[in-house]
Amino acid sequence: MESKQTNEQKIRTMNERKAELLIKLQELSLEIAKIDVEIMKAGGTLPISNPIGGTIGGTIGGTIR
């Protein structure tokens, strides 16, 4: 059986890795949102499955233009 200290170290390491991945996920979401803005500026539409389209389009009930 592993010691309590070893388990605490593993938990701390996993939580740190999880935090790093969540930060990367936020950064990627921001990049996707920036692309969505450029698509909208160019006159395109966003399907409601996109991050912005899903939130706004889903609430409004249609495609964002």
N, C-alpha and C. Protein backbone atom coordinates (compact mmCIF):
# COMPACT_ATOMS: atom_id res chain seq x y z
N MET A 1 0.84 -1.19 0.00
CA MET A 1 0.00 0.00 0.00
C MET A 1 0.89 1.25 0.00
N GLU A 2 0.50 2.21 -0.81
CA GLU A 2 1.31 3.41 -0.92
C GLU A 2 1.08 4.32 0.27
N SER A 3 2.10 5.10 0.55
CA SER A 3 2.00 5.99 1.70
C SER A 3 1.07 7.16 1.40
N LYS A 4 0.60 7.76 2.48
CA LYS A 4 -0.30 8.91 2.35
C LYS A 4 0.41 10.05 1.63
N GLN A 5 1.71 10.23 1.93
CA GLN A 5 2.47 11.30 1.30
C GLN A 5 2.59 11.07 -0.20
N THR A 6 2.84 9.83 -0.61
CA THR A 6 2.94 9.52 -2.04
C THR A 6 1.62 9.80 -2.75
N ASN A 7 0.52 9.41 -2.15
CA ASN A 7 -0.79 9.68 -2.74
C ASN A 7 -1.06 11.17 -2.82
N GLU A 8 -0.69 11.92 -1.79
CA GLU A 8 -0.88 13.37 -1.81
C GLU A 8 -0.06 14.01 -2.92
N GLN A 9 1.15 13.51 -3.14
CA GLN A 9 1.99 14.03 -4.22
C GLN A 9 1.36 13.74 -5.58
N LYS A 10 0.85 12.54 -5.74
CA LYS A 10 0.18 12.18 -7.01
C LYS A 10 -1.03 13.07 -7.25
N ILE A 11 -1.82 13.27 -6.21
CA ILE A 11 -3.01 14.11 -6.33
C ILE A 11 -2.61 15.53 -6.69
N ARG A 12 -1.58 16.06 -6.04
CA ARG A 12 -1.13 17.42 -6.32
C ARG A 12 -0.65 17.52 -7.77
N THR A 13 0.12 16.54 -8.21
CA THR A 13 0.63 16.54 -9.59
C THR A 13 -0.52 16.47 -10.60
N MET A 14 -1.49 15.61 -10.34
CA MET A 14 -2.63 15.49 -11.25
C MET A 14 -3.46 16.77 -11.27
N ASN A 15 -3.64 17.41 -10.13
CA ASN A 15 -4.39 18.67 -10.08
C ASN A 15 -3.66 19.78 -10.82
N GLU A 16 -2.32 19.80 -10.71
CA GLU A 16 -1.54 20.79 -11.44
C GLU A 16 -1.66 20.58 -12.95
N ARG A 17 -1.60 19.33 -13.37
CA ARG A 17 -1.74 19.02 -14.80
C ARG A 17 -3.13 19.39 -15.30
N LYS A 18 -4.12 19.09 -14.48
CA LYS A 18 -5.51 19.44 -14.83
C LYS A 18 -5.66 20.95 -14.99
N ALA A 19 -5.05 21.71 -14.09
CA ALA A 19 -5.12 23.17 -14.18
C ALA A 19 -4.44 23.67 -15.46
N GLU A 20 -3.29 23.08 -15.81
CA GLU A 20 -2.61 23.46 -17.04
C GLU A 20 -3.48 23.19 -18.26
N LEU A 21 -4.13 22.04 -18.29
CA LEU A 21 -4.99 21.70 -19.42
C LEU A 21 -6.21 22.61 -19.50
N LEU A 22 -6.76 22.98 -18.36
CA LEU A 22 -7.91 23.89 -18.36
C LEU A 22 -7.53 25.27 -18.89
N ILE A 23 -6.33 25.72 -18.57
CA ILE A 23 -5.84 27.00 -19.09
C ILE A 23 -5.70 26.92 -20.61
N LYS A 24 -5.12 25.82 -21.10
CA LYS A 24 -4.98 25.64 -22.55
C LYS A 24 -6.34 25.59 -23.23
N LEU A 25 -7.29 24.93 -22.60
CA LEU A 25 -8.65 24.85 -23.14
C LEU A 25 -9.27 26.24 -23.25
N GLN A 26 -9.08 27.06 -22.23
CA GLN A 26 -9.60 28.43 -22.27
C GLN A 26 -8.95 29.22 -23.40
N GLU A 27 -7.64 29.05 -23.57
CA GLU A 27 -6.93 29.75 -24.64
C GLU A 27 -7.45 29.33 -26.01
N LEU A 28 -7.69 28.04 -26.19
CA LEU A 28 -8.23 27.55 -27.46
C LEU A 28 -9.65 28.06 -27.69
N SER A 29 -10.45 28.11 -26.65
CA SER A 29 -11.81 28.63 -26.77
C SER A 29 -11.79 30.09 -27.18
N LEU A 30 -10.85 30.85 -26.65
CA LEU A 30 -10.72 32.26 -27.02
C LEU A 30 -10.33 32.39 -28.49
N GLU A 31 -9.42 31.56 -28.95
CA GLU A 31 -9.03 31.58 -30.36
C GLU A 31 -10.21 31.25 -31.27
N ILE A 32 -11.00 30.26 -30.88
CA ILE A 32 -12.19 29.90 -31.66
C ILE A 32 -13.17 31.07 -31.70
N ALA A 33 -13.35 31.74 -30.58
CA ALA A 33 -14.25 32.89 -30.53
C ALA A 33 -13.75 34.01 -31.45
N LYS A 34 -12.44 34.23 -31.48
CA LYS A 34 -11.87 35.25 -32.36
C LYS A 34 -12.14 34.91 -33.83
N ILE A 35 -12.00 33.65 -34.17
CA ILE A 35 -12.28 33.21 -35.54
C ILE A 35 -13.75 33.42 -35.86
N ASP A 36 -14.63 33.08 -34.92
CA ASP A 36 -16.06 33.29 -35.12
C ASP A 36 -16.38 34.76 -35.38
N VAL A 37 -15.72 35.64 -34.66
CA VAL A 37 -15.93 37.08 -34.86
C VAL A 37 -15.51 37.48 -36.27
N GLU A 38 -14.37 36.99 -36.72
CA GLU A 38 -13.90 37.31 -38.07
C GLU A 38 -14.86 36.77 -39.13
N ILE A 39 -15.41 35.59 -38.91
CA ILE A 39 -16.39 35.03 -39.84
C ILE A 39 -17.62 35.93 -39.89
N MET A 40 -18.08 36.38 -38.74
CA MET A 40 -19.26 37.25 -38.70
C MET A 40 -18.97 38.59 -39.36
N LYS A 41 -17.77 39.15 -39.13
CA LYS A 41 -17.40 40.42 -39.76
C LYS A 41 -17.37 40.29 -41.27
N ALA A 42 -16.99 39.12 -41.77
CA ALA A 42 -16.91 38.89 -43.21
C ALA A 42 -18.27 38.57 -43.82
N GLY A 43 -19.30 38.58 -43.00
CA GLY A 43 -20.65 38.34 -43.51
C GLY A 43 -21.08 36.90 -43.47
N GLY A 44 -20.29 36.07 -42.84
CA GLY A 44 -20.64 34.66 -42.74
C GLY A 44 -21.62 34.40 -41.60
N THR A 45 -22.03 33.17 -41.51
CA THR A 45 -22.94 32.78 -40.43
C THR A 45 -22.28 31.69 -39.59
N LEU A 46 -22.74 31.55 -38.38
CA LEU A 46 -22.22 30.53 -37.48
C LEU A 46 -23.30 29.51 -37.19
N PRO A 47 -22.98 28.25 -37.33
CA PRO A 47 -23.97 27.24 -36.91
C PRO A 47 -24.15 27.30 -35.40
N ILE A 48 -25.29 26.89 -34.92
CA ILE A 48 -25.55 27.03 -33.49
C ILE A 48 -24.72 26.10 -32.63
N SER A 49 -23.89 25.25 -33.24
CA SER A 49 -23.04 24.37 -32.45
C SER A 49 -21.73 25.03 -32.03
N ASN A 50 -21.37 26.16 -32.63
CA ASN A 50 -20.15 26.86 -32.24
C ASN A 50 -20.30 27.46 -30.86
N PRO A 51 -19.16 27.77 -30.18
CA PRO A 51 -19.27 28.34 -28.83
C PRO A 51 -20.14 29.60 -28.77
N ILE A 52 -19.87 30.57 -29.65
CA ILE A 52 -20.68 31.79 -29.65
C ILE A 52 -22.05 31.49 -30.23
N GLY A 53 -22.07 30.80 -31.35
CA GLY A 53 -23.34 30.49 -32.00
C GLY A 53 -24.25 29.66 -31.12
N GLY A 54 -23.66 28.73 -30.38
CA GLY A 54 -24.46 27.88 -29.51
C GLY A 54 -25.10 28.66 -28.39
N THR A 55 -24.37 29.61 -27.84
CA THR A 55 -24.91 30.40 -26.75
C THR A 55 -25.93 31.41 -27.26
N ILE A 56 -25.53 32.21 -28.23
CA ILE A 56 -26.43 33.26 -28.72
C ILE A 56 -27.49 32.67 -29.63
N GLY A 57 -27.07 31.87 -30.62
CA GLY A 57 -28.02 31.29 -31.57
C GLY A 57 -29.03 30.39 -30.89
N GLY A 58 -28.55 29.63 -29.91
CA GLY A 58 -29.46 28.74 -29.19
C GLY A 58 -30.51 29.52 -28.42
N THR A 59 -30.11 30.64 -27.85
CA THR A 59 -31.04 31.48 -27.10
C THR A 59 -32.00 32.19 -28.04
N ILE A 60 -31.46 32.73 -29.13
CA ILE A 60 -32.29 33.43 -30.11
C ILE A 60 -33.11 32.43 -30.91
N GLY A 61 -32.52 31.27 -31.16
CA GLY A 61 -33.23 30.22 -31.89
C GLY A 61 -32.95 30.22 -33.37
N GLY A 62 -31.77 30.64 -33.78
CA GLY A 62 -31.47 30.62 -35.20
C GLY A 62 -29.99 30.73 -35.48
N THR A 63 -29.68 31.04 -36.72
CA THR A 63 -28.30 31.21 -37.15
C THR A 63 -27.89 32.65 -36.92
N ILE A 64 -26.64 32.84 -36.54
CA ILE A 64 -26.14 34.20 -36.32
C ILE A 64 -25.59 34.72 -37.64
N ARG A 65 -25.94 35.96 -37.96
CA ARG A 65 -25.43 36.60 -39.18
C ARG A 65 -24.74 37.88 -38.83
